Amino acid sequence: AQLERAGVVWDPRKLSSALAFSRALKLLLAYKEREGHCDDPQKRVEQGFALGLWLRNQRCAYRCGMLDADRKVQLERAGVAWHPRDLAFHRALQLLLAFKEREGHVEVHWKHVEQGFNL
């Protein structure tokens, strides 16, 4: 049990899966470092890897209760939102709060764009 907690994988199929997850997570973290977020469009491809599709599959596994707890934690630490609509709301809220801090009000013109987001 201690070896498993340390990361030793005995089943070669699980090892392959673990390596694939690790590679995808590294690509996701690189994307986040470059773009500043993990709310990846579904068709996003990084280094020949369908990152957007992979992320959608992770979210689906989460919603179905099939995502490994350790993977869930790793994805959450990376900044993955399980429900992208919630993420969009929170992003808009943060931008609105920054606008209020800067301008002193929240009376935003309907055409105003903040960091590429229409407030």
C-alpha atoms as a PDB file:
ATOM      1  CA  ALA A   1       0.000   0.000   0.000  1.00  0.00           C
ATOM      2  CA  GLN A   2       2.860   2.396   0.737  1.00  0.00           C
ATOM      3  CA  LEU A   3       4.354   1.807  -2.704  1.00  0.00           C
ATOM      4  CA  GLU A   4       1.024   2.549  -4.371  1.00  0.00           C
ATOM      5  CA  ARG A   5       0.698   5.786  -2.389  1.00  0.00           C
ATOM      6  CA  ALA A   6       4.211   6.683  -3.561  1.00  0.00           C
ATOM      7  CA  GLY A   7       3.086   6.259  -7.165  1.00  0.00           C
ATOM      8  CA  VAL A   8       4.178   2.725  -8.054  1.00  0.00           C
ATOM      9  CA  VAL A   9       1.840   1.261 -10.674  1.00  0.00           C
ATOM     10  CA  TRP A  10       1.768  -2.526 -10.945  1.00  0.00           C
ATOM     11  CA  ASP A  11      -0.681  -2.973 -13.818  1.00  0.00           C
ATOM     12  CA  PRO A  12       0.863  -2.015 -17.213  1.00  0.00           C
ATOM     13  CA  ARG A  13      -2.529  -0.793 -18.459  1.00  0.00           C
ATOM     14  CA  LYS A  14      -2.787   1.571 -15.511  1.00  0.00           C
ATOM     15  CA  LEU A  15       0.806   2.666 -16.098  1.00  0.00           C
ATOM     16  CA  SER A  16      -0.008   3.549 -19.686  1.00  0.00           C
ATOM     17  CA  SER A  17      -3.081   5.435 -18.512  1.00  0.00           C
ATOM     18  CA  ALA A  18      -1.085   7.222 -15.820  1.00  0.00           C
ATOM     19  CA  LEU A  19       1.585   8.269 -18.316  1.00  0.00           C
ATOM     20  CA  ALA A  20      -1.035   9.509 -20.761  1.00  0.00           C
ATOM     21  CA  PHE A  21      -2.738  11.512 -18.006  1.00  0.00           C
ATOM     22  CA  SER A  22       0.587  12.957 -16.886  1.00  0.00           C
ATOM     23  CA  ARG A  23       1.443  14.039 -20.447  1.00  0.00           C
ATOM     24  CA  ALA A  24      -1.984  15.618 -20.952  1.00  0.00           C
ATOM     25  CA  LEU A  25      -1.788  17.407 -17.610  1.00  0.00           C
ATOM     26  CA  LYS A  26       1.627  18.833 -18.523  1.00  0.00           C
ATOM     27  CA  LEU A  27       0.189  20.120 -21.799  1.00  0.00           C
ATOM     28  CA  LEU A  28      -2.736  21.644 -19.923  1.00  0.00           C
ATOM     29  CA  LEU A  29      -0.411  23.361 -17.452  1.00  0.00           C
ATOM     30  CA  ALA A  30       1.695  24.736 -20.320  1.00  0.00           C
ATOM     31  CA  TYR A  31      -1.487  26.018 -21.964  1.00  0.00           C
ATOM     32  CA  LYS A  32      -2.545  27.658 -18.696  1.00  0.00           C
ATOM     33  CA  GLU A  33       0.880  29.253 -18.267  1.00  0.00           C
ATOM     34  CA  ARG A  34       0.663  30.709 -21.770  1.00  0.00           C
ATOM     35  CA  GLU A  35      -3.051  31.662 -21.843  1.00  0.00           C
ATOM     36  CA  GLY A  36      -3.718  32.330 -18.173  1.00  0.00           C
ATOM     37  CA  HIS A  37      -6.648  29.911 -17.848  1.00  0.00           C
ATOM     38  CA  CYS A  38      -7.783  26.316 -18.352  1.00  0.00           C
ATOM     39  CA  ASP A  39     -11.160  26.973 -19.950  1.00  0.00           C
ATOM     40  CA  ASP A  40      -9.989  25.381 -23.140  1.00  0.00           C
ATOM     41  CA  PRO A  41     -12.116  25.274 -26.291  1.00  0.00           C
ATOM     42  CA  GLN A  42     -13.118  21.764 -27.290  1.00  0.00           C
ATOM     43  CA  LYS A  43     -11.184  21.783 -30.548  1.00  0.00           C
ATOM     44  CA  ARG A  44      -7.866  22.910 -29.021  1.00  0.00           C
ATOM     45  CA  VAL A  45      -4.855  20.830 -30.084  1.00  0.00           C
ATOM     46  CA  GLU A  46      -1.485  21.143 -28.348  1.00  0.00           C
ATOM     47  CA  GLN A  47       1.585  19.421 -29.832  1.00  0.00           C
ATOM     48  CA  GLY A  48      -0.643  17.114 -31.853  1.00  0.00           C
ATOM     49  CA  PHE A  49      -2.721  16.193 -28.793  1.00  0.00           C
ATOM     50  CA  ALA A  50      -6.472  16.936 -28.685  1.00  0.00           C
ATOM     51  CA  LEU A  51      -6.276  18.808 -25.382  1.00  0.00           C
ATOM     52  CA  GLY A  52      -9.787  20.240 -25.570  1.00  0.00           C
ATOM     53  CA  LEU A  53     -11.321  16.819 -26.188  1.00  0.00           C
ATOM     54  CA  TRP A  54      -9.245  15.306 -23.389  1.00  0.00           C
ATOM     55  CA  LEU A  55     -10.407  18.005 -20.980  1.00  0.00           C
ATOM     56  CA  ARG A  56     -14.027  17.459 -22.009  1.00  0.00           C
ATOM     57  CA  ASN A  57     -13.583  13.737 -21.310  1.00  0.00           C
ATOM     58  CA  GLN A  58     -12.142  14.486 -17.858  1.00  0.00           C
ATOM     59  CA  ARG A  59     -15.145  16.685 -17.073  1.00  0.00           C
ATOM     60  CA  CYS A  60     -17.483  13.947 -18.282  1.00  0.00           C
ATOM     61  CA  ALA A  61     -15.719  11.353 -16.105  1.00  0.00           C
ATOM     62  CA  TYR A  62     -16.062  13.736 -13.162  1.00  0.00           C
ATOM     63  CA  ARG A  63     -19.789  14.241 -13.719  1.00  0.00           C
ATOM     64  CA  CYS A  64     -20.302  10.468 -14.050  1.00  0.00           C
ATOM     65  CA  GLY A  65     -18.361   9.774 -10.846  1.00  0.00           C
ATOM     66  CA  MET A  66     -15.670   7.873 -12.747  1.00  0.00           C
ATOM     67  CA  LEU A  67     -12.717  10.252 -12.328  1.00  0.00           C
ATOM     68  CA  ASP A  68     -10.002   8.984 -10.017  1.00  0.00           C
ATOM     69  CA  ALA A  69      -9.799  11.116  -6.852  1.00  0.00           C
ATOM     70  CA  ASP A  70      -6.089  11.847  -7.350  1.00  0.00           C
ATOM     71  CA  ARG A  71      -6.688  13.005 -10.906  1.00  0.00           C
ATOM     72  CA  LYS A  72      -9.561  15.188  -9.731  1.00  0.00           C
ATOM     73  CA  VAL A  73      -7.278  16.885  -7.222  1.00  0.00           C
ATOM     74  CA  GLN A  74      -4.544  17.407  -9.830  1.00  0.00           C
ATOM     75  CA  LEU A  75      -6.997  18.934 -12.291  1.00  0.00           C
ATOM     76  CA  GLU A  76      -8.500  21.196  -9.643  1.00  0.00           C
ATOM     77  CA  ARG A  77      -5.016  22.380  -8.625  1.00  0.00           C
ATOM     78  CA  ALA A  78      -4.388  23.163 -12.293  1.00  0.00           C
ATOM     79  CA  GLY A  79      -7.482  25.380 -12.255  1.00  0.00           C
ATOM     80  CA  VAL A  80      -9.946  23.209 -14.146  1.00  0.00           C
ATOM     81  CA  ALA A  81     -13.568  24.173 -13.619  1.00  0.00           C
ATOM     82  CA  TRP A  82     -15.911  21.199 -13.734  1.00  0.00           C
ATOM     83  CA  HIS A  83     -18.763  23.264 -15.112  1.00  0.00           C
ATOM     84  CA  PRO A  84     -17.435  25.711 -17.742  1.00  0.00           C
ATOM     85  CA  ARG A  85     -20.519  27.934 -17.482  1.00  0.00           C
ATOM     86  CA  ASP A  86     -19.667  28.547 -13.839  1.00  0.00           C
ATOM     87  CA  LEU A  87     -16.153  29.453 -14.910  1.00  0.00           C
ATOM     88  CA  ALA A  88     -17.428  32.015 -17.418  1.00  0.00           C
ATOM     89  CA  PHE A  89     -19.604  33.592 -14.738  1.00  0.00           C
ATOM     90  CA  HIS A  90     -16.745  33.811 -12.246  1.00  0.00           C
ATOM     91  CA  ARG A  91     -14.400  35.214 -14.880  1.00  0.00           C
ATOM     92  CA  ALA A  92     -16.957  37.896 -15.777  1.00  0.00           C
ATOM     93  CA  LEU A  93     -17.494  38.664 -12.094  1.00  0.00           C
ATOM     94  CA  GLN A  94     -13.758  39.109 -11.516  1.00  0.00           C
ATOM     95  CA  LEU A  95     -13.525  41.433 -14.506  1.00  0.00           C
ATOM     96  CA  LEU A  96     -16.524  43.413 -13.276  1.00  0.00           C
ATOM     97  CA  LEU A  97     -14.987  43.758  -9.823  1.00  0.00           C
ATOM     98  CA  ALA A  98     -11.715  44.944 -11.370  1.00  0.00           C
ATOM     99  CA  PHE A  99     -13.698  47.444 -13.460  1.00  0.00           C
ATOM    100  CA  LYS A 100     -15.461  48.697 -10.334  1.00  0.00           C
ATOM    101  CA  GLU A 101     -12.165  49.020  -8.472  1.00  0.00           C
ATOM    102  CA  ARG A 102     -10.689  51.042 -11.329  1.00  0.00           C
ATOM    103  CA  GLU A 103     -13.744  53.122 -12.314  1.00  0.00           C
ATOM    104  CA  GLY A 104     -15.625  53.368  -9.016  1.00  0.00           C
ATOM    105  CA  HIS A 105     -18.919  52.026 -10.409  1.00  0.00           C
ATOM    106  CA  VAL A 106     -20.482  49.072 -12.245  1.00  0.00           C
ATOM    107  CA  GLU A 107     -22.413  51.008 -14.878  1.00  0.00           C
ATOM    108  CA  VAL A 108     -20.686  49.302 -17.786  1.00  0.00           C
ATOM    109  CA  HIS A 109     -21.562  50.337 -21.348  1.00  0.00           C
ATOM    110  CA  TRP A 110     -23.082  47.389 -23.197  1.00  0.00           C
ATOM    111  CA  LYS A 111     -20.265  47.455 -25.799  1.00  0.00           C
ATOM    112  CA  HIS A 112     -17.440  47.587 -23.242  1.00  0.00           C
ATOM    113  CA  VAL A 113     -14.836  44.816 -23.593  1.00  0.00           C
ATOM    114  CA  GLU A 114     -12.488  43.956 -20.745  1.00  0.00           C
ATOM    115  CA  GLN A 115      -9.570  41.599 -21.511  1.00  0.00           C
ATOM    116  CA  GLY A 116     -11.423  40.230 -24.533  1.00  0.00           C
ATOM    117  CA  PHE A 117     -14.621  39.643 -22.550  1.00  0.00           C
ATOM    118  CA  ASN A 118     -17.782  41.627 -23.242  1.00  0.00           C
ATOM    119  CA  LEU A 119     -18.964  42.860 -19.854  1.00  0.00           C
END
